[in-house]
Amino acid sequence: MFELPIKFVRCSAYDRRGYGVRDLKNPEVSYRFVWNHRGTSKWVATYPDPRPGHERHIPGFANRTMAGLFLYRYDQPVLTGRPK
C-alpha cells in the first residue's frame, strides 16, 4: 500500500472542515491548509499570496488527499513554529 508523504491535522475542534497539511516525517513543516467547501467546489487548497496578508484559494479538488498532495508538490513548505 502507498504511504502518503503528508498527514492531515485538524486545525480546530470547532472547525470540522479544515485540516493543516504537515510533512509525515517532520511535523514542524507545514504545506498550508485544505478545507471542505460546502458548495459545489468540494475541497479547497489554501496558500499565502506573495503580498503580505493575502491568501490564494484553489477550489475544485475531489477530496482532501488530492488537495493536500497538490500543496505538497507545488507549494514551498514553511516551518510552523509549533512544538511537536
C-alpha atoms as a PDB file:
ATOM      1  CA  MET A   1       0.000   0.000   0.000  1.00  0.00           C
ATOM      2  CA  PHE A   2       1.197   3.511  -0.827  1.00  0.00           C
ATOM      3  CA  GLU A   3       2.019   5.740   2.154  1.00  0.00           C
ATOM      4  CA  LEU A   4       1.355   9.451   1.729  1.00  0.00           C
ATOM      5  CA  PRO A   5       4.287  11.830   2.375  1.00  0.00           C
ATOM      6  CA  ILE A   6       1.884  14.117   4.263  1.00  0.00           C
ATOM      7  CA  LYS A   7      -0.526  13.893   7.169  1.00  0.00           C
ATOM      8  CA  PHE A   8      -3.622  15.922   7.987  1.00  0.00           C
ATOM      9  CA  VAL A   9      -4.040  17.697  11.303  1.00  0.00           C
ATOM     10  CA  ARG A  10      -7.411  19.140  12.299  1.00  0.00           C
ATOM     11  CA  CYS A  11      -6.970  22.875  12.682  1.00  0.00           C
ATOM     12  CA  SER A  12      -9.586  23.450  15.347  1.00  0.00           C
ATOM     13  CA  ALA A  13     -12.052  21.432  17.361  1.00  0.00           C
ATOM     14  CA  TYR A  14     -14.736  23.908  16.275  1.00  0.00           C
ATOM     15  CA  ASP A  15     -13.897  23.939  12.555  1.00  0.00           C
ATOM     16  CA  ARG A  16     -14.715  20.483  11.259  1.00  0.00           C
ATOM     17  CA  ARG A  17     -13.991  21.405   7.626  1.00  0.00           C
ATOM     18  CA  GLY A  18     -10.311  22.393   7.756  1.00  0.00           C
ATOM     19  CA  TYR A  19      -7.035  20.494   8.010  1.00  0.00           C
ATOM     20  CA  GLY A  20      -3.431  21.559   8.150  1.00  0.00           C
ATOM     21  CA  VAL A  21      -1.186  19.639   5.758  1.00  0.00           C
ATOM     22  CA  ARG A  22       2.031  18.548   7.512  1.00  0.00           C
ATOM     23  CA  ASP A  23       5.085  16.609   6.444  1.00  0.00           C
ATOM     24  CA  LEU A  24       4.845  12.996   7.608  1.00  0.00           C
ATOM     25  CA  LYS A  25       8.438  12.759   8.839  1.00  0.00           C
ATOM     26  CA  ASN A  26       8.861  16.298  10.183  1.00  0.00           C
ATOM     27  CA  PRO A  27       5.648  17.693  11.736  1.00  0.00           C
ATOM     28  CA  GLU A  28       7.216  21.162  12.003  1.00  0.00           C
ATOM     29  CA  VAL A  29       6.971  21.506   8.213  1.00  0.00           C
ATOM     30  CA  SER A  30       3.585  22.746   7.021  1.00  0.00           C
ATOM     31  CA  TYR A  31       2.264  22.766   3.467  1.00  0.00           C
ATOM     32  CA  ARG A  32      -0.535  25.150   4.375  1.00  0.00           C
ATOM     33  CA  PHE A  33      -4.233  24.331   4.668  1.00  0.00           C
ATOM     34  CA  VAL A  34      -7.083  22.452   2.945  1.00  0.00           C
ATOM     35  CA  TRP A  35     -10.776  22.792   3.723  1.00  0.00           C
ATOM     36  CA  ASN A  36     -14.073  21.347   2.602  1.00  0.00           C
ATOM     37  CA  HIS A  37     -16.260  23.898   0.870  1.00  0.00           C
ATOM     38  CA  ARG A  38     -19.906  23.074   1.374  1.00  0.00           C
ATOM     39  CA  GLY A  39     -20.797  24.456  -2.021  1.00  0.00           C
ATOM     40  CA  THR A  40     -20.000  22.919  -5.371  1.00  0.00           C
ATOM     41  CA  SER A  41     -16.220  23.350  -5.307  1.00  0.00           C
ATOM     42  CA  LYS A  42     -15.536  20.431  -2.904  1.00  0.00           C
ATOM     43  CA  TRP A  43     -12.042  20.686  -1.366  1.00  0.00           C
ATOM     44  CA  VAL A  44     -10.039  23.913  -1.488  1.00  0.00           C
ATOM     45  CA  ALA A  45      -6.252  24.258  -1.176  1.00  0.00           C
ATOM     46  CA  THR A  46      -5.105  27.478   0.504  1.00  0.00           C
ATOM     47  CA  TYR A  47      -1.655  29.037   0.465  1.00  0.00           C
ATOM     48  CA  PRO A  48      -0.301  32.563   1.036  1.00  0.00           C
ATOM     49  CA  ASP A  49      -0.085  35.087  -1.750  1.00  0.00           C
ATOM     50  CA  PRO A  50       3.290  36.844  -2.177  1.00  0.00           C
ATOM     51  CA  ARG A  51       1.538  40.016  -0.987  1.00  0.00           C
ATOM     52  CA  PRO A  52       1.563  40.213   2.823  1.00  0.00           C
ATOM     53  CA  GLY A  53      -1.788  39.453   4.443  1.00  0.00           C
ATOM     54  CA  HIS A  54      -3.302  37.773   1.375  1.00  0.00           C
ATOM     55  CA  GLU A  55      -4.150  34.153   0.586  1.00  0.00           C
ATOM     56  CA  ARG A  56      -4.886  32.223  -2.575  1.00  0.00           C
ATOM     57  CA  HIS A  57      -7.584  29.583  -2.757  1.00  0.00           C
ATOM     58  CA  ILE A  58      -7.645  26.846  -5.395  1.00  0.00           C
ATOM     59  CA  PRO A  59     -11.073  25.129  -5.416  1.00  0.00           C
ATOM     60  CA  GLY A  60     -12.262  22.019  -7.190  1.00  0.00           C
ATOM     61  CA  PHE A  61     -10.356  19.090  -5.657  1.00  0.00           C
ATOM     62  CA  ALA A  62     -12.375  15.874  -5.323  1.00  0.00           C
ATOM     63  CA  ASN A  63     -11.023  15.073  -1.852  1.00  0.00           C
ATOM     64  CA  ARG A  64      -8.644  16.374   0.790  1.00  0.00           C
ATOM     65  CA  THR A  65      -5.899  13.934  -0.230  1.00  0.00           C
ATOM     66  CA  MET A  66      -5.707  15.397  -3.735  1.00  0.00           C
ATOM     67  CA  ALA A  67      -5.721  18.969  -2.380  1.00  0.00           C
ATOM     68  CA  GLY A  68      -3.014  18.074   0.153  1.00  0.00           C
ATOM     69  CA  LEU A  69      -0.831  16.366  -2.440  1.00  0.00           C
ATOM     70  CA  PHE A  70      -1.152  19.410  -4.684  1.00  0.00           C
ATOM     71  CA  LEU A  71       0.196  21.621  -1.885  1.00  0.00           C
ATOM     72  CA  TYR A  72       2.944  19.105  -1.111  1.00  0.00           C
ATOM     73  CA  ARG A  73       4.072  19.010  -4.737  1.00  0.00           C
ATOM     74  CA  TYR A  74       3.709  22.651  -5.775  1.00  0.00           C
ATOM     75  CA  ASP A  75       3.931  24.750  -2.618  1.00  0.00           C
ATOM     76  CA  GLN A  76       7.029  25.682  -0.656  1.00  0.00           C
ATOM     77  CA  PRO A  77       6.881  24.404   2.931  1.00  0.00           C
ATOM     78  CA  VAL A  78       7.103  26.709   5.930  1.00  0.00           C
ATOM     79  CA  LEU A  79       8.132  25.944   9.496  1.00  0.00           C
ATOM     80  CA  THR A  80       5.085  26.141  11.722  1.00  0.00           C
ATOM     81  CA  GLY A  81       6.942  27.161  14.876  1.00  0.00           C
ATOM     82  CA  ARG A  82       4.669  24.919  16.925  1.00  0.00           C
ATOM     83  CA  PRO A  83       6.035  22.441  19.470  1.00  0.00           C
ATOM     84  CA  LYS A  84       5.940  18.786  18.490  1.00  0.00           C
END
